[in-house]
């Protein structure tokens, strides 16, 4: 993964040098030699960019080696452009969307937000309920908390983050005649779920996919 970071940063440095050299030298006729003055400017630009690259690398290493960080925070620091607040905001939205889609038998949304294994489990339950004439009703009240409880990055550069959601919900199952067979329409449940999301850190796709659900 360190090599991946080096490649990204190096490409950025090369592009920066190219555009700065273009501004320094401008367009010159073919065969024109670079003067000593311009050569010195080129060297100065390259050295400054190299110093910035080294400074950025040092800050990155300092962050992941900080003894005050937890192991989870150190792992998260290795994920490119990762922002914990933004991730948790997206995870909360995905949690509510998936629960709502499951209750409403919206398999298209489920397929979009989950991997094949989780989608298959959800779909099997949905199909069984259809066959039995069971209707699911879910009223999502809100979150009491949502925190990252585990984070890993595999050797194949797959980031996996587990979030503990504590939410309030009203869940009811009814038969085809509308009679409640499970749950209570007046009772708000406090439910704890541990969901794991994954994403390839080399992918340009910003979306995280649900791969595991546990109570």
Protein backbone atom coordinates (compact mmCIF):
# COMPACT_ATOMS: atom_id res chain seq x y z
CA UNK A 1 0.00 0.00 0.00
CA UNK A 2 3.00 2.28 0.62
CA UNK A 3 3.95 1.86 -3.03
CA UNK A 4 0.45 2.99 -4.03
CA UNK A 5 0.83 6.16 -1.99
CA UNK A 6 4.28 6.80 -3.49
CA UNK A 7 2.93 6.45 -7.05
CA UNK A 8 0.02 8.83 -6.42
CA UNK A 9 2.22 11.46 -4.77
CA UNK A 10 4.94 11.10 -7.41
CA UNK A 11 2.42 11.60 -10.23
CA UNK A 12 1.16 14.70 -8.48
CA UNK A 13 4.72 16.04 -8.12
CA UNK A 14 5.51 15.39 -11.79
CA UNK A 15 2.36 17.23 -12.91
CA UNK A 16 3.13 20.15 -10.61
CA UNK A 17 6.69 20.38 -11.95
CA UNK A 18 5.46 20.23 -15.56
CA UNK A 19 3.01 23.09 -15.15
CA UNK A 20 5.47 25.20 -13.19
CA UNK A 21 8.22 24.66 -15.77
CA UNK A 22 5.80 25.64 -18.48
CA UNK A 23 5.12 28.90 -16.67
CA UNK A 24 8.86 29.49 -16.15
CA UNK A 25 10.06 28.67 -19.68
CA UNK A 26 7.00 29.34 -21.77
CA UNK A 27 6.99 28.14 -25.38
CA UNK A 28 10.39 28.18 -27.10
CA UNK A 29 11.41 27.42 -30.69
CA UNK A 30 12.63 23.89 -31.38
CA UNK A 31 16.37 23.50 -30.91
CA UNK A 32 16.71 26.50 -28.58
CA UNK A 33 19.03 25.70 -25.65
CA UNK A 34 18.00 26.29 -22.07
CA UNK A 35 20.06 29.09 -20.57
CA UNK A 36 22.02 28.71 -17.32
CA UNK A 37 19.51 31.06 -15.69
CA UNK A 38 16.54 28.93 -16.73
CA UNK A 39 18.36 25.74 -15.80
CA UNK A 40 18.85 27.17 -12.31
CA UNK A 41 15.13 27.98 -12.13
CA UNK A 42 14.28 24.42 -13.16
CA UNK A 43 16.56 23.02 -10.48
CA UNK A 44 15.04 25.34 -7.91
CA UNK A 45 11.49 24.22 -8.79
CA UNK A 46 12.44 20.53 -8.63
CA UNK A 47 14.18 20.93 -5.25
CA UNK A 48 11.21 22.80 -3.77
CA UNK A 49 8.76 20.12 -4.96
CA UNK A 50 11.03 17.39 -3.58
CA UNK A 51 11.12 19.15 -0.22
CA UNK A 52 7.31 19.37 -0.18
CA UNK A 53 7.03 15.67 -1.08
CA UNK A 54 9.39 14.74 1.76
CA UNK A 55 7.50 16.97 4.22
CA UNK A 56 4.16 15.39 3.25
CA UNK A 57 5.62 11.91 3.58
CA UNK A 58 7.05 12.74 7.01
CA UNK A 59 3.67 14.06 8.21
CA UNK A 60 1.97 10.88 6.94
CA UNK A 61 4.46 8.62 8.73
CA UNK A 62 4.20 10.74 11.87
CA UNK A 63 0.43 10.36 11.85
CA UNK A 64 0.35 6.57 11.51
CA UNK A 65 3.17 6.15 14.07
CA UNK A 66 1.62 8.47 16.66
CA UNK A 67 1.52 6.51 19.94
CA UNK A 68 -1.56 8.47 20.99
CA UNK A 69 -3.63 7.03 18.15
CA UNK A 70 -5.59 3.83 18.59
CA UNK A 71 -4.94 0.91 16.22
CA UNK A 72 -8.23 1.69 14.49
CA UNK A 73 -7.19 5.33 13.93
CA UNK A 74 -3.80 4.24 12.59
CA UNK A 75 -5.52 1.92 10.11
CA UNK A 76 -7.95 4.64 9.03
CA UNK A 77 -4.99 6.99 8.47
CA UNK A 78 -3.67 4.61 5.79
CA UNK A 79 -6.87 4.90 3.69
CA UNK A 80 -6.45 7.60 1.00
CA UNK A 81 -8.66 10.68 1.48
CA UNK A 82 -10.53 9.04 4.36
CA UNK A 83 -12.57 11.37 6.54
CA UNK A 84 -14.20 9.73 9.56
CA UNK A 85 -17.01 12.27 9.88
CA UNK A 86 -17.95 11.99 6.20
CA UNK A 87 -17.74 8.20 6.32
CA UNK A 88 -20.03 7.93 9.34
CA UNK A 89 -22.50 10.35 7.77
CA UNK A 90 -22.63 8.15 4.67
CA UNK A 91 -22.83 4.97 6.77
CA UNK A 92 -25.84 6.31 8.70
CA UNK A 93 -27.61 7.16 5.44
CA UNK A 94 -26.81 3.71 4.02
CA UNK A 95 -28.08 2.03 7.21
CA UNK A 96 -31.45 3.78 7.04
CA UNK A 97 -31.76 3.27 3.27
CA UNK A 98 -31.04 -0.46 3.53
CA UNK A 99 -33.46 -1.00 6.42
CA UNK A 100 -36.19 0.91 4.59
CA UNK A 101 -35.53 -0.93 1.32
CA UNK A 102 -35.65 -4.29 3.11
CA UNK A 103 -38.95 -3.44 4.76
CA UNK A 104 -40.46 -2.19 1.48
CA UNK A 105 -39.04 -5.13 -0.51
CA UNK A 106 -37.03 -2.74 -2.67
CA UNK A 107 -34.52 -5.24 -4.04
CA UNK A 108 -32.99 -2.77 -6.53
CA UNK A 109 -31.76 -0.50 -3.74
CA UNK A 110 -30.54 -3.49 -1.73
CA UNK A 111 -28.57 -4.82 -4.70
CA UNK A 112 -26.94 -1.43 -5.18
CA UNK A 113 -25.81 -1.04 -1.55
CA UNK A 114 -24.83 -4.61 -0.56
CA UNK A 115 -22.54 -7.36 -1.80
CA UNK A 116 -23.90 -10.55 -3.40
CA UNK A 117 -23.93 -12.56 -0.15
CA UNK A 118 -25.89 -10.01 1.88
CA UNK A 119 -28.22 -9.27 -1.03
CA UNK A 120 -29.00 -13.00 -1.38
CA UNK A 121 -29.90 -13.26 2.34
CA UNK A 122 -32.16 -10.20 2.20
CA UNK A 123 -33.81 -11.37 -1.00
CA UNK A 124 -34.49 -14.87 0.37
CA UNK A 125 -36.31 -13.39 3.37
CA UNK A 126 -38.28 -11.02 1.12
CA UNK A 127 -39.34 -13.84 -1.20
CA UNK A 128 -40.38 -16.03 1.75
CA UNK A 129 -42.49 -13.24 3.21
CA UNK A 130 -44.16 -12.72 -0.16
CA UNK A 131 -44.95 -16.42 -0.35
CA UNK A 132 -46.39 -16.38 3.18
CA UNK A 133 -48.34 -13.16 2.62
CA UNK A 134 -46.43 -11.36 5.39
CA UNK A 135 -46.17 -7.58 5.32
CA UNK A 136 -43.24 -5.80 7.01
CA UNK A 137 -43.61 -2.29 8.44
CA UNK A 138 -40.64 -0.36 9.79
CA UNK A 139 -40.61 3.13 11.25
CA UNK A 140 -37.05 4.40 11.69
CA UNK A 141 -36.98 6.86 14.60
CA UNK A 142 -33.30 7.81 14.63
CA UNK A 143 -29.78 7.06 15.84
CA UNK A 144 -28.60 7.08 19.42
CA UNK A 145 -25.02 6.52 18.27
CA UNK A 146 -22.89 5.34 15.35
CA UNK A 147 -19.19 4.63 15.96
CA UNK A 148 -16.38 2.79 14.18
CA UNK A 149 -15.45 -0.29 16.21
CA UNK A 150 -13.06 -2.03 13.80
CA UNK A 151 -11.01 -1.25 10.70
CA UNK A 152 -8.75 -3.38 8.52
CA UNK A 153 -6.93 -3.07 5.23
CA UNK A 154 -6.17 -6.36 3.49
CA UNK A 155 -3.04 -7.20 1.49
CA UNK A 156 -5.15 -6.77 -1.65
CA UNK A 157 -5.90 -3.15 -0.62
CA UNK A 158 -9.50 -3.75 0.48
CA UNK A 159 -10.56 -1.53 3.39
CA UNK A 160 -13.13 -3.02 5.77
CA UNK A 161 -14.76 -0.86 8.43
CA UNK A 162 -17.24 -2.04 11.05
CA UNK A 163 -19.70 0.43 12.51
CA UNK A 164 -21.79 -0.12 15.62
CA UNK A 165 -25.20 1.47 15.11
CA UNK A 166 -27.52 1.99 18.05
CA UNK A 167 -30.88 3.06 16.68
CA UNK A 168 -34.51 3.38 17.64
CA UNK A 169 -37.05 1.62 15.44
CA UNK A 170 -40.62 0.37 15.40
CA UNK A 171 -40.84 -3.00 13.63
CA UNK A 172 -44.05 -4.88 12.92
CA UNK A 173 -44.97 -7.92 10.83
CA UNK A 174 -48.57 -8.35 9.66
CA UNK A 175 -50.43 -11.15 7.91
CA UNK A 176 -52.27 -10.68 4.63
CA UNK A 177 -55.35 -9.52 6.55
CA UNK A 178 -53.44 -6.78 8.34
CA UNK A 179 -53.27 -8.51 11.73
CA UNK A 180 -50.08 -7.97 13.74
CA UNK A 181 -48.24 -11.27 14.12
CA UNK A 182 -44.94 -9.92 15.44
CA UNK A 183 -43.90 -6.66 17.10
CA UNK A 184 -45.86 -3.78 18.57
CA UNK A 185 -46.86 -0.62 16.71
CA UNK A 186 -46.64 1.37 19.94
CA UNK A 187 -43.25 0.06 21.08
CA UNK A 188 -39.97 1.76 20.14
CA UNK A 189 -37.09 -0.71 20.15
CA UNK A 190 -33.47 0.25 20.84
CA UNK A 191 -31.43 -2.02 18.56
CA UNK A 192 -27.66 -2.47 18.31
CA UNK A 193 -26.26 -3.59 14.95
CA UNK A 194 -22.69 -4.13 13.82
CA UNK A 195 -22.40 -3.62 10.07
CA UNK A 196 -19.20 -3.98 8.05
CA UNK A 197 -18.60 -1.96 4.89
CA UNK A 198 -15.80 -2.44 2.39
CA UNK A 199 -14.18 -0.62 -0.52
CA UNK A 200 -11.07 -1.09 -2.65
CA UNK A 201 -8.79 1.79 -1.71
CA UNK A 202 -7.41 1.88 -5.26
CA UNK A 203 -10.89 2.36 -6.71
CA UNK A 204 -12.14 5.74 -7.91
CA UNK A 205 -15.66 4.73 -6.83
CA UNK A 206 -16.37 6.53 -3.52
CA UNK A 207 -19.13 4.11 -2.46
CA UNK A 208 -18.75 1.63 0.37
CA UNK A 209 -20.63 -1.70 0.12
CA UNK A 210 -22.27 -3.56 3.01
CA UNK A 211 -20.71 -7.03 3.41
CA UNK A 212 -21.79 -8.17 6.88
CA UNK A 213 -24.57 -7.60 9.45
CA UNK A 214 -24.45 -8.76 13.06
CA UNK A 215 -26.50 -8.01 16.15
